Amino acid sequence: MSTPAWISLGSNLGDRREILDHAIKALSQTSGVFIHSVSSYHETQPVGGPPGQGPFLNAAAHLETILRPHQLLETLQGIENEAGRVRTVRWGERTLDLDILFFGTEFLDLRRLKVPHPRLALRRFVLEPLAEIAPTLAHPQTRRTIAELLADLDRKPRLVAIEGLEGSRKSAVFERLVAELPGFGIAEADLGLPEIGEGETPHQIITEGLERKAEALNARRWAIETLRVPWLVADYFLDFDILHATGRSLWRNLPETEDEVKTRILEHREWKGRLNGLLEVAMSPTFAVILPGDREVPRRSALTRTPRLWPESDDPDAIVAEILATCRGIDGL
């Protein structure tokens, strides 16, 4: 039984066009692989890695294959090796780079292979070619189509939300990002979030806190649009999937008496009304950064419309460098 798969292709060394042409020909001649379509070639600037690299040619291809994911990975790496690919520097220059973006509906989070590709939703050089051949293909975690993900990178102003453990590392990352993007920062500690008072329920306090966070984002959005600052940085993640889940939690432990049920129904209607108001005014993140310390949360469980970046290092300097490279790639710099 065959499985649809989508891959990305890139080259920034040698005769880039000839190298990509040869890679596509090699794939077409591979037993068990059929190529449905290939995008046009896009010239892009390198994202991350050492400075001084030349521009890439990037493309995307739609395959049908009877190979398993690891077999397809080995096939792609074999074609890379034939093209003279040398793996010495992370995100460095390369004659050929072939990555599996999607493999049917499978989800893999292994050391050698992660599918869907964990960074594709934040890479313009991947989304633009892929949108040519698969604009309606849905990302299984964000539940957005490729065309929607690409359009989201063009949405302004842009917002980075930092999610993770409190402490000096989070503060250091937040402060560096505000200074180096450049951007406006919103710190949760400065919002004066309410505490539970007499006669108030936890749900009321949660709602008031969320509204204050949303209002802070909205206020900064207009300032950014007026001053043309490209980025907003928040040290909290206003996740609307979590908001909906909080609303649903009002129905847990449903009381038994009729009057209590009626009260709970009214509470739920009030919550939905306030939530709809939040959705209208709050600014959703371009992406959320999951700081180290939250790695025990499996990537599979991160079902949210907001794309997430999982830094590869625990070092704050390396984390900031990766976030900055991601932002500059989104900006097309």
C-alpha atoms as a PDB file:
ATOM      1  CA  MET A   1       0.000   0.000   0.000  1.00  0.00           C
ATOM      2  CA  SER A   2       1.407   3.379  -0.972  1.00  0.00           C
ATOM      3  CA  THR A   3       1.559   6.524   1.163  1.00  0.00           C
ATOM      4  CA  PRO A   4       1.612  10.179   0.052  1.00  0.00           C
ATOM      5  CA  ALA A   5       4.644  12.142   1.199  1.00  0.00           C
ATOM      6  CA  TRP A   6       5.931  15.671   0.729  1.00  0.00           C
ATOM      7  CA  ILE A   7       9.597  16.613   0.786  1.00  0.00           C
ATOM      8  CA  SER A   8      11.646  19.807   0.545  1.00  0.00           C
ATOM      9  CA  LEU A   9      14.750  20.259  -1.588  1.00  0.00           C
ATOM     10  CA  GLY A  10      17.464  22.879  -1.237  1.00  0.00           C
ATOM     11  CA  SER A  11      20.955  23.704  -2.482  1.00  0.00           C
ATOM     12  CA  ASN A  12      23.343  26.645  -2.072  1.00  0.00           C
ATOM     13  CA  LEU A  13      26.623  25.164  -3.343  1.00  0.00           C
ATOM     14  CA  GLY A  14      27.707  24.332  -6.878  1.00  0.00           C
ATOM     15  CA  ASP A  15      25.334  24.372  -9.841  1.00  0.00           C
ATOM     16  CA  ARG A  16      22.208  24.538  -7.699  1.00  0.00           C
ATOM     17  CA  ARG A  17      19.674  24.019 -10.487  1.00  0.00           C
ATOM     18  CA  GLU A  18      21.529  21.040 -11.920  1.00  0.00           C
ATOM     19  CA  ILE A  19      21.857  19.515  -8.456  1.00  0.00           C
ATOM     20  CA  LEU A  20      18.104  19.824  -7.793  1.00  0.00           C
ATOM     21  CA  ASP A  21      17.294  18.466 -11.262  1.00  0.00           C
ATOM     22  CA  HIS A  22      19.534  15.459 -10.625  1.00  0.00           C
ATOM     23  CA  ALA A  23      17.951  14.834  -7.189  1.00  0.00           C
ATOM     24  CA  ILE A  24      14.458  14.794  -8.717  1.00  0.00           C
ATOM     25  CA  LYS A  25      15.618  12.445 -11.473  1.00  0.00           C
ATOM     26  CA  ALA A  26      17.233  10.128  -8.901  1.00  0.00           C
ATOM     27  CA  LEU A  27      14.008  10.049  -6.888  1.00  0.00           C
ATOM     28  CA  SER A  28      11.944   9.284  -9.996  1.00  0.00           C
ATOM     29  CA  GLN A  29      14.220   6.321 -10.713  1.00  0.00           C
ATOM     30  CA  THR A  30      13.947   4.935  -7.170  1.00  0.00           C
ATOM     31  CA  SER A  31      11.953   1.724  -6.888  1.00  0.00           C
ATOM     32  CA  GLY A  32       8.820   2.256  -4.839  1.00  0.00           C
ATOM     33  CA  VAL A  33       8.721   6.035  -5.332  1.00  0.00           C
ATOM     34  CA  PHE A  34       6.453   7.928  -7.733  1.00  0.00           C
ATOM     35  CA  ILE A  35       6.677  11.726  -8.117  1.00  0.00           C
ATOM     36  CA  HIS A  36       3.300  13.430  -8.516  1.00  0.00           C
ATOM     37  CA  SER A  37       4.468  17.039  -8.779  1.00  0.00           C
ATOM     38  CA  VAL A  38       7.403  19.362  -8.197  1.00  0.00           C
ATOM     39  CA  SER A  39       7.217  23.083  -7.463  1.00  0.00           C
ATOM     40  CA  SER A  40       9.175  25.740  -9.283  1.00  0.00           C
ATOM     41  CA  TYR A  41      12.569  26.696  -7.865  1.00  0.00           C
ATOM     42  CA  HIS A  42      12.663  29.571  -5.380  1.00  0.00           C
ATOM     43  CA  GLU A  43      15.804  31.557  -4.550  1.00  0.00           C
ATOM     44  CA  THR A  44      15.949  32.365  -0.838  1.00  0.00           C
ATOM     45  CA  GLN A  45      18.411  33.697   1.693  1.00  0.00           C
ATOM     46  CA  PRO A  46      19.887  31.213   4.214  1.00  0.00           C
ATOM     47  CA  VAL A  47      18.207  31.076   7.629  1.00  0.00           C
ATOM     48  CA  GLY A  48      20.489  30.552  10.632  1.00  0.00           C
ATOM     49  CA  GLY A  49      23.870  28.919  10.363  1.00  0.00           C
ATOM     50  CA  PRO A  50      27.235  30.586   9.770  1.00  0.00           C
ATOM     51  CA  PRO A  51      27.323  34.001   8.046  1.00  0.00           C
ATOM     52  CA  GLY A  52      28.569  34.491   4.514  1.00  0.00           C
ATOM     53  CA  GLN A  53      26.558  31.715   2.864  1.00  0.00           C
ATOM     54  CA  GLY A  54      25.216  32.107  -0.639  1.00  0.00           C
ATOM     55  CA  PRO A  55      21.478  32.026  -1.469  1.00  0.00           C
ATOM     56  CA  PHE A  56      19.572  28.766  -1.750  1.00  0.00           C
ATOM     57  CA  LEU A  57      17.422  27.323  -4.456  1.00  0.00           C
ATOM     58  CA  ASN A  58      14.469  25.635  -2.763  1.00  0.00           C
ATOM     59  CA  ALA A  59      11.653  23.430  -4.028  1.00  0.00           C
ATOM     60  CA  ALA A  60       9.027  20.986  -2.794  1.00  0.00           C
ATOM     61  CA  ALA A  61       7.830  17.676  -4.219  1.00  0.00           C
ATOM     62  CA  HIS A  62       4.770  15.471  -3.737  1.00  0.00           C
ATOM     63  CA  LEU A  63       5.575  11.751  -3.727  1.00  0.00           C
ATOM     64  CA  GLU A  64       3.701   8.477  -3.525  1.00  0.00           C
ATOM     65  CA  THR A  65       5.757   5.676  -2.000  1.00  0.00           C
ATOM     66  CA  ILE A  66       5.573   2.128  -0.689  1.00  0.00           C
ATOM     67  CA  LEU A  67       8.670   2.774   1.428  1.00  0.00           C
ATOM     68  CA  ARG A  68       8.395   3.232   5.164  1.00  0.00           C
ATOM     69  CA  PRO A  69       9.497   6.581   6.659  1.00  0.00           C
ATOM     70  CA  HIS A  70      12.992   5.401   7.651  1.00  0.00           C
ATOM     71  CA  GLN A  71      13.480   3.775   4.255  1.00  0.00           C
ATOM     72  CA  LEU A  72      12.536   7.020   2.526  1.00  0.00           C
ATOM     73  CA  LEU A  73      14.916   8.923   4.839  1.00  0.00           C
ATOM     74  CA  GLU A  74      17.768   6.564   3.925  1.00  0.00           C
ATOM     75  CA  THR A  75      16.944   6.995   0.232  1.00  0.00           C
ATOM     76  CA  LEU A  76      17.053  10.800   0.536  1.00  0.00           C
ATOM     77  CA  GLN A  77      20.327  10.697   2.467  1.00  0.00           C
ATOM     78  CA  GLY A  78      21.819   8.435  -0.191  1.00  0.00           C
ATOM     79  CA  ILE A  79      20.924  10.974  -2.893  1.00  0.00           C
ATOM     80  CA  GLU A  80      22.418  13.744  -0.728  1.00  0.00           C
ATOM     81  CA  ASN A  81      25.650  11.760  -0.377  1.00  0.00           C
ATOM     82  CA  GLU A  82      25.836  11.233  -4.142  1.00  0.00           C
ATOM     83  CA  ALA A  83      25.595  15.014  -4.540  1.00  0.00           C
ATOM     84  CA  GLY A  84      28.580  15.489  -2.213  1.00  0.00           C
ATOM     85  CA  ARG A  85      26.664  16.541   0.883  1.00  0.00           C
ATOM     86  CA  VAL A  86      29.033  16.984   3.856  1.00  0.00           C
ATOM     87  CA  ARG A  87      27.530  17.343   7.351  1.00  0.00           C
ATOM     88  CA  THR A  88      30.004  19.366   9.399  1.00  0.00           C
ATOM     89  CA  VAL A  89      28.269  22.595  10.467  1.00  0.00           C
ATOM     90  CA  ARG A  90      24.658  22.820  11.624  1.00  0.00           C
ATOM     91  CA  TRP A  91      22.620  24.752   9.013  1.00  0.00           C
ATOM     92  CA  GLY A  92      25.788  25.390   7.045  1.00  0.00           C
ATOM     93  CA  GLU A  93      26.337  25.463   3.291  1.00  0.00           C
ATOM     94  CA  ARG A  94      25.279  22.298   1.476  1.00  0.00           C
ATOM     95  CA  THR A  95      25.207  20.962  -2.029  1.00  0.00           C
ATOM     96  CA  LEU A  96      21.871  19.260  -1.386  1.00  0.00           C
ATOM     97  CA  ASP A  97      19.375  19.137   1.465  1.00  0.00           C
ATOM     98  CA  LEU A  98      16.364  16.784   1.310  1.00  0.00           C
ATOM     99  CA  ASP A  99      13.854  16.721   4.189  1.00  0.00           C
ATOM    100  CA  ILE A 100      10.647  14.789   4.748  1.00  0.00           C
ATOM    101  CA  LEU A 101       7.905  17.308   5.550  1.00  0.00           C
ATOM    102  CA  PHE A 102       4.887  15.003   5.798  1.00  0.00           C
ATOM    103  CA  PHE A 103       4.507  11.254   5.511  1.00  0.00           C
ATOM    104  CA  GLY A 104       0.791  10.577   5.150  1.00  0.00           C
ATOM    105  CA  THR A 105      -0.819  11.153   8.536  1.00  0.00           C
ATOM    106  CA  GLU A 106       2.029   9.599  10.511  1.00  0.00           C
ATOM    107  CA  PHE A 107       3.571  11.331  13.498  1.00  0.00           C
ATOM    108  CA  LEU A 108       7.156  10.463  14.448  1.00  0.00           C
ATOM    109  CA  ASP A 109       9.214  12.153  17.164  1.00  0.00           C
ATOM    110  CA  LEU A 110      12.460  10.192  17.048  1.00  0.00           C
ATOM    111  CA  ARG A 111      16.069  11.332  17.241  1.00  0.00           C
ATOM    112  CA  ARG A 112      16.774  10.665  13.548  1.00  0.00           C
ATOM    113  CA  LEU A 113      13.381  11.555  12.123  1.00  0.00           C
ATOM    114  CA  LYS A 114      10.624  13.922  13.157  1.00  0.00           C
ATOM    115  CA  VAL A 115       7.467  13.978  11.012  1.00  0.00           C
ATOM    116  CA  PRO A 116       5.791  16.362  10.369  1.00  0.00           C
ATOM    117  CA  HIS A 117       8.958  18.432  10.108  1.00  0.00           C
ATOM    118  CA  PRO A 118       9.036  20.432  13.383  1.00  0.00           C
ATOM    119  CA  ARG A 119       9.985  23.760  11.749  1.00  0.00           C
ATOM    120  CA  LEU A 120       8.102  23.743   8.453  1.00  0.00           C
ATOM    121  CA  ALA A 121       5.299  26.010   9.743  1.00  0.00           C
ATOM    122  CA  LEU A 122       7.884  28.744  10.457  1.00  0.00           C
ATOM    123  CA  ARG A 123       9.990  28.467   7.317  1.00  0.00           C
ATOM    124  CA  ARG A 124       8.965  30.679   4.454  1.00  0.00           C
ATOM    125  CA  PHE A 125      11.453  28.929   2.154  1.00  0.00           C
ATOM    126  CA  VAL A 126       9.582  25.663   2.777  1.00  0.00           C
ATOM    127  CA  LEU A 127       6.011  26.990   2.735  1.00  0.00           C
ATOM    128  CA  GLU A 128       6.257  29.020  -0.482  1.00  0.00           C
ATOM    129  CA  PRO A 129       7.235  26.079  -2.749  1.00  0.00           C
ATOM    130  CA  LEU A 130       4.909  23.714  -0.878  1.00  0.00           C
ATOM    131  CA  ALA A 131       1.975  26.118  -1.280  1.00  0.00           C
ATOM    132  CA  GLU A 132       2.389  25.850  -5.060  1.00  0.00           C
ATOM    133  CA  ILE A 133       1.684  22.119  -5.129  1.00  0.00           C
ATOM    134  CA  ALA A 134      -0.322  21.541  -1.921  1.00  0.00           C
ATOM    135  CA  PRO A 135      -2.057  24.759  -0.765  1.00  0.00           C
ATOM    136  CA  THR A 136      -4.952  22.880   0.888  1.00  0.00           C
ATOM    137  CA  LEU A 137      -2.803  20.276   2.639  1.00  0.00           C
ATOM    138  CA  ALA A 138      -3.525  20.555   6.384  1.00  0.00           C
ATOM    139  CA  HIS A 139      -0.851  20.550   9.060  1.00  0.00           C
ATOM    140  CA  PRO A 140      -1.997  17.945  11.619  1.00  0.00           C
ATOM    141  CA  GLN A 141      -0.961  19.945  14.701  1.00  0.00           C
ATOM    142  CA  THR A 142      -2.002  23.480  13.833  1.00  0.00           C
ATOM    143  CA  ARG A 143      -4.944  22.242  11.727  1.00  0.00           C
ATOM    144  CA  ARG A 144      -4.145  25.031   9.253  1.00  0.00           C
ATOM    145  CA  THR A 145      -3.575  24.556   5.560  1.00  0.00           C
ATOM    146  CA  ILE A 146      -0.198  25.300   3.986  1.00  0.00           C
ATOM    147  CA  ALA A 147      -1.697  28.390   2.332  1.00  0.00           C
ATOM    148  CA  GLU A 148      -2.988  29.602   5.725  1.00  0.00           C
ATOM    149  CA  LEU A 149       0.374  29.029   7.412  1.00  0.00           C
ATOM    150  CA  LEU A 150       2.126  31.003   4.682  1.00  0.00           C
ATOM    151  CA  ALA A 151      -0.401  33.843   4.932  1.00  0.00           C
ATOM    152  CA  ASP A 152       0.118  33.935   8.706  1.00  0.00           C
ATOM    153  CA  LEU A 153       3.819  34.712   8.202  1.00  0.00           C
ATOM    154  CA  ASP A 154       2.762  37.844   6.292  1.00  0.00           C
ATOM    155  CA  ARG A 155       0.379  38.989   9.033  1.00  0.00           C
ATOM    156  CA  LYS A 156       1.537  42.143  10.827  1.00  0.00           C
ATOM    157  CA  PRO A 157       2.305  43.015  13.490  1.00  0.00           C
ATOM    158  CA  ARG A 158       4.048  39.776  14.408  1.00  0.00           C
ATOM    159  CA  LEU A 159       4.144  38.293  17.897  1.00  0.00           C
ATOM    160  CA  VAL A 160       6.539  35.885  19.606  1.00  0.00           C
ATOM    161  CA  ALA A 161       5.063  34.317  22.740  1.00  0.00           C
ATOM    162  CA  ILE A 162       7.425  32.638  25.194  1.00  0.00           C
ATOM    163  CA  GLU A 163       6.065  29.590  26.979  1.00  0.00           C
ATOM    164  CA  GLY A 164       8.021  27.763  29.649  1.00  0.00           C
ATOM    165  CA  LEU A 165       9.219  27.721  33.222  1.00  0.00           C
ATOM    166  CA  GLU A 166       9.517  30.973  35.129  1.00  0.00           C
ATOM    167  CA  GLY A 167      12.964  32.080  36.192  1.00  0.00           C
ATOM    168  CA  SER A 168      16.175  33.762  35.124  1.00  0.00           C
ATOM    169  CA  ARG A 169      16.470  31.861  31.830  1.00  0.00           C
ATOM    170  CA  LYS A 170      13.024  32.946  30.671  1.00  0.00           C
ATOM    171  CA  SER A 171      13.701  36.543  31.738  1.00  0.00           C
ATOM    172  CA  ALA A 172      17.058  36.562  29.929  1.00  0.00           C
ATOM    173  CA  VAL A 173      15.525  35.247  26.701  1.00  0.00           C
ATOM    174  CA  PHE A 174      12.641  37.741  26.905  1.00  0.00           C
ATOM    175  CA  GLU A 175      14.865  40.767  27.540  1.00  0.00           C
ATOM    176  CA  ARG A 176      17.344  39.844  24.795  1.00  0.00           C
ATOM    177  CA  LEU A 177      14.570  39.383  22.239  1.00  0.00           C
ATOM    178  CA  VAL A 178      12.984  42.738  23.035  1.00  0.00           C
ATOM    179  CA  ALA A 179      16.363  44.424  22.605  1.00  0.00           C
ATOM    180  CA  GLU A 180      17.603  42.614  19.491  1.00  0.00           C
ATOM    181  CA  LEU A 181      14.559  42.094  17.260  1.00  0.00           C
ATOM    182  CA  PRO A 182      13.795  45.090  17.860  1.00  0.00           C
ATOM    183  CA  GLY A 183      10.349  44.891  19.366  1.00  0.00           C
ATOM    184  CA  PHE A 184       7.981  45.926  22.120  1.00  0.00           C
ATOM    185  CA  GLY A 185       7.829  43.660  25.144  1.00  0.00           C
ATOM    186  CA  ILE A 186       4.891  42.718  27.359  1.00  0.00           C
ATOM    187  CA  ALA A 187       5.793  41.084  30.691  1.00  0.00           C
ATOM    188  CA  GLU A 188       3.073  39.227  32.547  1.00  0.00           C
ATOM    189  CA  ALA A 189       4.454  40.493  35.870  1.00  0.00           C
ATOM    190  CA  ASP A 190       3.714  44.089  34.808  1.00  0.00           C
ATOM    191  CA  LEU A 191       0.017  43.496  34.089  1.00  0.00           C
ATOM    192  CA  GLY A 192      -1.184  43.455  37.708  1.00  0.00           C
ATOM    193  CA  LEU A 193      -3.226  40.308  37.281  1.00  0.00           C
ATOM    194  CA  PRO A 194      -6.104  39.906  39.776  1.00  0.00           C
ATOM    195  CA  GLU A 195      -6.099  37.523  42.703  1.00  0.00           C
ATOM    196  CA  ILE A 196      -9.098  35.600  44.007  1.00  0.00           C
ATOM    197  CA  GLY A 197     -11.210  37.887  46.180  1.00  0.00           C
ATOM    198  CA  GLU A 198     -14.176  37.271  48.435  1.00  0.00           C
ATOM    199  CA  GLY A 199     -17.158  35.899  46.547  1.00  0.00           C
ATOM    200  CA  GLU A 200     -15.217  35.371  43.328  1.00  0.00           C
ATOM    201  CA  THR A 201     -14.767  32.012  41.668  1.00  0.00           C
ATOM    202  CA  PRO A 202     -11.508  30.746  40.114  1.00  0.00           C
ATOM    203  CA  HIS A 203     -13.207  30.863  36.705  1.00  0.00           C
ATOM    204  CA  GLN A 204     -13.974  34.574  37.152  1.00  0.00           C
ATOM    205  CA  ILE A 205     -10.365  35.278  38.096  1.00  0.00           C
ATOM    206  CA  ILE A 206      -9.051  33.231  35.155  1.00  0.00           C
ATOM    207  CA  THR A 207     -11.332  35.131  32.802  1.00  0.00           C
ATOM    208  CA  GLU A 208     -10.334  38.540  34.166  1.00  0.00           C
ATOM    209  CA  GLY A 209      -6.647  37.641  33.880  1.00  0.00           C
ATOM    210  CA  LEU A 210      -7.052  36.445  30.307  1.00  0.00           C
ATOM    211  CA  GLU A 211      -8.947  39.610  29.384  1.00  0.00           C
ATOM    212  CA  ARG A 212      -6.199  41.780  30.842  1.00  0.00           C
ATOM    213  CA  LYS A 213      -3.550  39.842  28.881  1.00  0.00           C
ATOM    214  CA  ALA A 214      -5.578  40.149  25.679  1.00  0.00           C
ATOM    215  CA  GLU A 215      -6.129  43.874  26.200  1.00  0.00           C
ATOM    216  CA  ALA A 216      -2.384  44.389  26.732  1.00  0.00           C
ATOM    217  CA  LEU A 217      -1.612  42.640  23.445  1.00  0.00           C
ATOM    218  CA  ASN A 218      -4.251  44.643  21.623  1.00  0.00           C
ATOM    219  CA  ALA A 219      -2.985  47.965  23.012  1.00  0.00           C
ATOM    220  CA  ARG A 220       0.579  47.201  21.908  1.00  0.00           C
ATOM    221  CA  ARG A 221      -0.647  46.068  18.498  1.00  0.00           C
ATOM    222  CA  TRP A 222      -1.939  49.515  17.639  1.00  0.00           C
ATOM    223  CA  ALA A 223       1.253  51.139  18.928  1.00  0.00           C
ATOM    224  CA  ILE A 224       3.342  48.811  16.763  1.00  0.00           C
ATOM    225  CA  GLU A 225       1.212  49.475  13.688  1.00  0.00           C
ATOM    226  CA  THR A 226       1.593  53.232  14.228  1.00  0.00           C
ATOM    227  CA  LEU A 227       5.351  53.157  14.903  1.00  0.00           C
ATOM    228  CA  ARG A 228       6.017  50.351  12.378  1.00  0.00           C
ATOM    229  CA  VAL A 229       7.932  48.180  14.855  1.00  0.00           C
ATOM    230  CA  PRO A 230       7.946  44.698  13.282  1.00  0.00           C
ATOM    231  CA  TRP A 231       7.702  42.469  16.358  1.00  0.00           C
ATOM    232  CA  LEU A 232       5.945  42.187  19.695  1.00  0.00           C
ATOM    233  CA  VAL A 233       7.369  39.877  22.381  1.00  0.00           C
ATOM    234  CA  ALA A 234       5.248  38.514  25.241  1.00  0.00           C
ATOM    235  CA  ASP A 235       6.476  36.307  28.065  1.00  0.00           C
ATOM    236  CA  TYR A 236       3.124  34.500  28.173  1.00  0.00           C
ATOM    237  CA  PHE A 237       1.160  32.419  25.693  1.00  0.00           C
ATOM    238  CA  LEU A 238      -2.499  33.328  25.175  1.00  0.00           C
ATOM    239  CA  ASP A 239      -3.548  29.983  23.711  1.00  0.00           C
ATOM    240  CA  PHE A 240      -7.151  30.033  22.509  1.00  0.00           C
ATOM    241  CA  ASP A 241      -7.322  26.252  22.478  1.00  0.00           C
ATOM    242  CA  ILE A 242      -6.671  26.426  26.222  1.00  0.00           C
ATOM    243  CA  LEU A 243      -9.352  29.100  26.568  1.00  0.00           C
ATOM    244  CA  HIS A 244     -11.903  26.828  24.956  1.00  0.00           C
ATOM    245  CA  ALA A 245     -10.816  23.976  27.217  1.00  0.00           C
ATOM    246  CA  THR A 246     -11.240  26.235  30.247  1.00  0.00           C
ATOM    247  CA  GLY A 247     -14.757  27.050  29.108  1.00  0.00           C
ATOM    248  CA  ARG A 248     -15.572  23.369  28.738  1.00  0.00           C
ATOM    249  CA  SER A 249     -14.289  22.754  32.260  1.00  0.00           C
ATOM    250  CA  LEU A 250     -17.296  24.678  33.579  1.00  0.00           C
ATOM    251  CA  TRP A 251     -19.315  21.575  32.787  1.00  0.00           C
ATOM    252  CA  ARG A 252     -17.221  19.219  34.888  1.00  0.00           C
ATOM    253  CA  ASN A 253     -18.845  17.909  38.083  1.00  0.00           C
ATOM    254  CA  LEU A 254     -22.247  19.109  36.922  1.00  0.00           C
ATOM    255  CA  PRO A 255     -24.459  19.768  39.991  1.00  0.00           C
ATOM    256  CA  GLU A 256     -27.554  17.683  40.516  1.00  0.00           C
ATOM    257  CA  THR A 257     -30.225  20.238  41.421  1.00  0.00           C
ATOM    258  CA  GLU A 258     -32.164  22.015  38.689  1.00  0.00           C
ATOM    259  CA  ASP A 259     -31.351  25.484  40.033  1.00  0.00           C
ATOM    260  CA  GLU A 260     -27.624  24.708  40.121  1.00  0.00           C
ATOM    261  CA  VAL A 261     -27.727  23.377  36.544  1.00  0.00           C
ATOM    262  CA  LYS A 262     -29.459  26.578  35.384  1.00  0.00           C
ATOM    263  CA  THR A 263     -26.781  28.633  37.136  1.00  0.00           C
ATOM    264  CA  ARG A 264     -24.042  26.634  35.446  1.00  0.00           C
ATOM    265  CA  ILE A 265     -25.685  27.131  32.033  1.00  0.00           C
ATOM    266  CA  LEU A 266     -25.771  30.890  32.592  1.00  0.00           C
ATOM    267  CA  GLU A 267     -22.109  30.818  33.661  1.00  0.00           C
ATOM    268  CA  HIS A 268     -21.214  28.953  30.491  1.00  0.00           C
ATOM    269  CA  ARG A 269     -23.096  31.405  28.281  1.00  0.00           C
ATOM    270  CA  GLU A 270     -21.366  34.305  30.014  1.00  0.00           C
ATOM    271  CA  TRP A 271     -17.982  32.602  29.486  1.00  0.00           C
ATOM    272  CA  LYS A 272     -18.652  32.064  25.780  1.00  0.00           C
ATOM    273  CA  GLY A 273     -19.626  35.706  25.367  1.00  0.00           C
ATOM    274  CA  ARG A 274     -16.465  36.932  27.060  1.00  0.00           C
ATOM    275  CA  LEU A 275     -14.360  34.427  25.137  1.00  0.00           C
ATOM    276  CA  ASN A 276     -15.783  35.646  21.819  1.00  0.00           C
ATOM    277  CA  GLY A 277     -14.825  39.155  22.874  1.00  0.00           C
ATOM    278  CA  LEU A 278     -11.273  37.982  23.573  1.00  0.00           C
ATOM    279  CA  LEU A 279     -11.058  36.341  20.184  1.00  0.00           C
ATOM    280  CA  GLU A 280     -12.019  39.626  18.523  1.00  0.00           C
ATOM    281  CA  VAL A 281      -9.460  41.844  20.258  1.00  0.00           C
ATOM    282  CA  ALA A 282      -6.519  39.610  21.182  1.00  0.00           C
ATOM    283  CA  MET A 283      -3.565  39.143  18.903  1.00  0.00           C
ATOM    284  CA  SER A 284      -2.674  35.506  18.247  1.00  0.00           C
ATOM    285  CA  PRO A 285       1.063  34.686  18.228  1.00  0.00           C
ATOM    286  CA  THR A 286       2.952  34.200  14.984  1.00  0.00           C
ATOM    287  CA  PHE A 287       4.651  31.423  16.908  1.00  0.00           C
ATOM    288  CA  ALA A 288       5.245  30.310  20.490  1.00  0.00           C
ATOM    289  CA  VAL A 289       8.652  29.332  21.848  1.00  0.00           C
ATOM    290  CA  ILE A 290       8.664  26.290  24.137  1.00  0.00           C
ATOM    291  CA  LEU A 291      11.597  26.848  26.477  1.00  0.00           C
ATOM    292  CA  PRO A 292      13.589  23.874  27.781  1.00  0.00           C
ATOM    293  CA  GLY A 293      12.000  22.497  30.896  1.00  0.00           C
ATOM    294  CA  ASP A 294       8.714  21.816  29.119  1.00  0.00           C
ATOM    295  CA  ARG A 295      10.251  19.052  27.024  1.00  0.00           C
ATOM    296  CA  GLU A 296       8.395  16.430  29.066  1.00  0.00           C
ATOM    297  CA  VAL A 297       5.294  17.595  27.157  1.00  0.00           C
ATOM    298  CA  PRO A 298       5.333  15.418  23.998  1.00  0.00           C
ATOM    299  CA  ARG A 299       5.374  17.279  20.691  1.00  0.00           C
ATOM    300  CA  ARG A 300       2.394  15.160  19.621  1.00  0.00           C
ATOM    301  CA  SER A 301       0.259  16.720  22.379  1.00  0.00           C
ATOM    302  CA  ALA A 302       0.927  20.267  21.161  1.00  0.00           C
ATOM    303  CA  LEU A 303      -2.369  20.493  19.268  1.00  0.00           C
ATOM    304  CA  THR A 304      -2.813  24.219  18.863  1.00  0.00           C
ATOM    305  CA  ARG A 305      -3.361  26.561  15.940  1.00  0.00           C
ATOM    306  CA  THR A 306      -0.224  28.427  16.970  1.00  0.00           C
ATOM    307  CA  PRO A 307       3.005  27.051  15.430  1.00  0.00           C
ATOM    308  CA  ARG A 308       5.622  26.226  18.051  1.00  0.00           C
ATOM    309  CA  LEU A 309       9.392  26.428  18.070  1.00  0.00           C
ATOM    310  CA  TRP A 310      11.231  23.898  20.226  1.00  0.00           C
ATOM    311  CA  PRO A 311      14.817  25.215  20.618  1.00  0.00           C
ATOM    312  CA  GLU A 312      17.547  22.644  20.188  1.00  0.00           C
ATOM    313  CA  SER A 313      19.721  24.024  22.995  1.00  0.00           C
ATOM    314  CA  ASP A 314      19.318  24.750  26.706  1.00  0.00           C
ATOM    315  CA  ASP A 315      21.703  27.711  26.515  1.00  0.00           C
ATOM    316  CA  PRO A 316      19.904  31.106  26.573  1.00  0.00           C
ATOM    317  CA  ASP A 317      22.313  32.608  24.013  1.00  0.00           C
ATOM    318  CA  ALA A 318      21.714  29.735  21.585  1.00  0.00           C
ATOM    319  CA  ILE A 319      17.947  29.918  22.192  1.00  0.00           C
ATOM    320  CA  VAL A 320      17.896  33.649  21.415  1.00  0.00           C
ATOM    321  CA  ALA A 321      20.029  33.115  18.292  1.00  0.00           C
ATOM    322  CA  GLU A 322      17.613  30.448  17.008  1.00  0.00           C
ATOM    323  CA  ILE A 323      14.557  32.626  17.679  1.00  0.00           C
ATOM    324  CA  LEU A 324      16.183  35.625  15.974  1.00  0.00           C
ATOM    325  CA  ALA A 325      17.089  33.508  12.937  1.00  0.00           C
ATOM    326  CA  THR A 326      13.483  32.263  12.767  1.00  0.00           C
ATOM    327  CA  CYS A 327      12.112  35.820  12.966  1.00  0.00           C
ATOM    328  CA  ARG A 328      14.488  37.092  10.293  1.00  0.00           C
ATOM    329  CA  GLY A 329      13.530  34.198   8.053  1.00  0.00           C
ATOM    330  CA  ILE A 330       9.872  35.103   8.500  1.00  0.00           C
ATOM    331  CA  ASP A 331      10.722  38.726   7.694  1.00  0.00           C
ATOM    332  CA  GLY A 332      12.444  37.500   4.521  1.00  0.00           C
ATOM    333  CA  LEU A 333      15.813  38.937   5.581  1.00  0.00           C
END
